[in-house]
Amino acid sequence: MNVTTVQLNKSLVNNLKEIKEYPRQTYNELISRMIEIFKSIKKKNQYDEFLHKIQQQKMKELWDNREDEAWENA
């Protein structure tokens, strides 16, 4: 296994200690888990943005039409 040393601020190390899922969890495990979560959220956000763009066009079609405008002026 290749290992490297990364320098972190003590406040960051303290934050990492606070969010451990269990006491003996290594920083390597914790950071790996955080990366998995981040990737999942990023993927979900991309999907949500994609859906929003599709829905935006459909909503424009539904709401921007002469039939609705005619009812507003009735």
Protein backbone atom coordinates (compact mmCIF):
# COMPACT_ATOMS: atom_id res chain seq x y z
CA MET A 1 0.00 0.00 0.00
CA ASN A 2 1.37 3.41 -0.96
CA VAL A 3 1.05 5.96 1.81
CA THR A 4 1.70 9.68 1.87
CA THR A 5 1.79 12.37 4.51
CA VAL A 6 -0.66 15.25 4.24
CA GLN A 7 -0.41 18.30 6.43
CA LEU A 8 -3.71 19.51 7.89
CA ASN A 9 -4.62 22.37 10.18
CA LYS A 10 -5.31 21.23 13.72
CA SER A 11 -8.81 22.66 13.52
CA LEU A 12 -9.51 20.46 10.49
CA VAL A 13 -8.18 17.40 12.32
CA ASN A 14 -10.47 18.25 15.25
CA ASN A 15 -13.43 18.52 12.86
CA LEU A 16 -12.55 15.14 11.38
CA LYS A 17 -12.42 13.64 14.88
CA GLU A 18 -15.90 15.01 15.60
CA ILE A 19 -17.50 13.45 12.54
CA LYS A 20 -16.04 9.97 12.82
CA GLU A 21 -18.73 7.33 12.50
CA TYR A 22 -17.07 5.17 15.13
CA PRO A 23 -14.09 5.79 17.48
CA ARG A 24 -11.52 3.61 15.71
CA GLN A 25 -12.34 4.84 12.22
CA THR A 26 -9.17 5.94 10.47
CA TYR A 27 -8.88 9.27 8.71
CA ASN A 28 -8.31 7.33 5.51
CA GLU A 29 -11.66 5.54 5.95
CA LEU A 30 -13.39 8.74 6.94
CA ILE A 31 -12.09 10.74 3.99
CA SER A 32 -12.91 7.89 1.60
CA ARG A 33 -16.48 7.86 2.94
CA MET A 34 -16.72 11.64 2.59
CA ILE A 35 -15.59 11.38 -1.03
CA GLU A 36 -18.26 8.73 -1.75
CA ILE A 37 -20.92 10.98 -0.25
CA PHE A 38 -19.68 14.02 -2.15
CA LYS A 39 -19.71 12.15 -5.46
CA SER A 40 -23.21 10.87 -4.79
CA ILE A 41 -24.49 14.35 -3.99
CA LYS A 42 -22.77 15.81 -7.03
CA LYS A 43 -24.31 13.16 -9.29
CA LYS A 44 -27.77 13.76 -7.75
CA ASN A 45 -27.42 17.52 -8.24
CA GLN A 46 -26.50 17.02 -11.89
CA TYR A 47 -29.58 14.82 -12.32
CA ASP A 48 -31.78 17.40 -10.56
CA GLU A 49 -30.44 20.18 -12.79
CA PHE A 50 -31.11 18.05 -15.86
CA LEU A 51 -34.71 17.43 -14.76
CA HIS A 52 -35.18 21.09 -13.95
CA LYS A 53 -34.07 22.12 -17.46
CA ILE A 54 -36.46 19.62 -19.04
CA GLN A 55 -39.33 20.69 -16.79
CA GLN A 56 -38.63 24.36 -17.44
CA GLN A 57 -39.39 23.98 -21.15
CA LYS A 58 -42.54 21.94 -20.49
CA MET A 59 -43.81 24.47 -17.93
CA LYS A 60 -43.21 27.25 -20.43
CA GLU A 61 -45.32 25.32 -22.97
CA LEU A 62 -48.09 24.78 -20.42
CA TRP A 63 -48.25 28.28 -19.00
CA ASP A 64 -47.33 30.49 -21.95
CA ASN A 65 -50.30 29.91 -24.22
CA ARG A 66 -53.12 31.99 -25.64
CA GLU A 67 -55.90 29.88 -24.09
CA ASP A 68 -54.76 30.77 -20.57
CA GLU A 69 -54.31 34.39 -21.52
CA ALA A 70 -57.85 34.49 -22.89
CA TRP A 71 -59.21 33.23 -19.54
CA GLU A 72 -57.23 35.86 -17.65
CA ASN A 73 -58.95 38.60 -19.65
CA ALA A 74 -62.46 37.08 -19.48
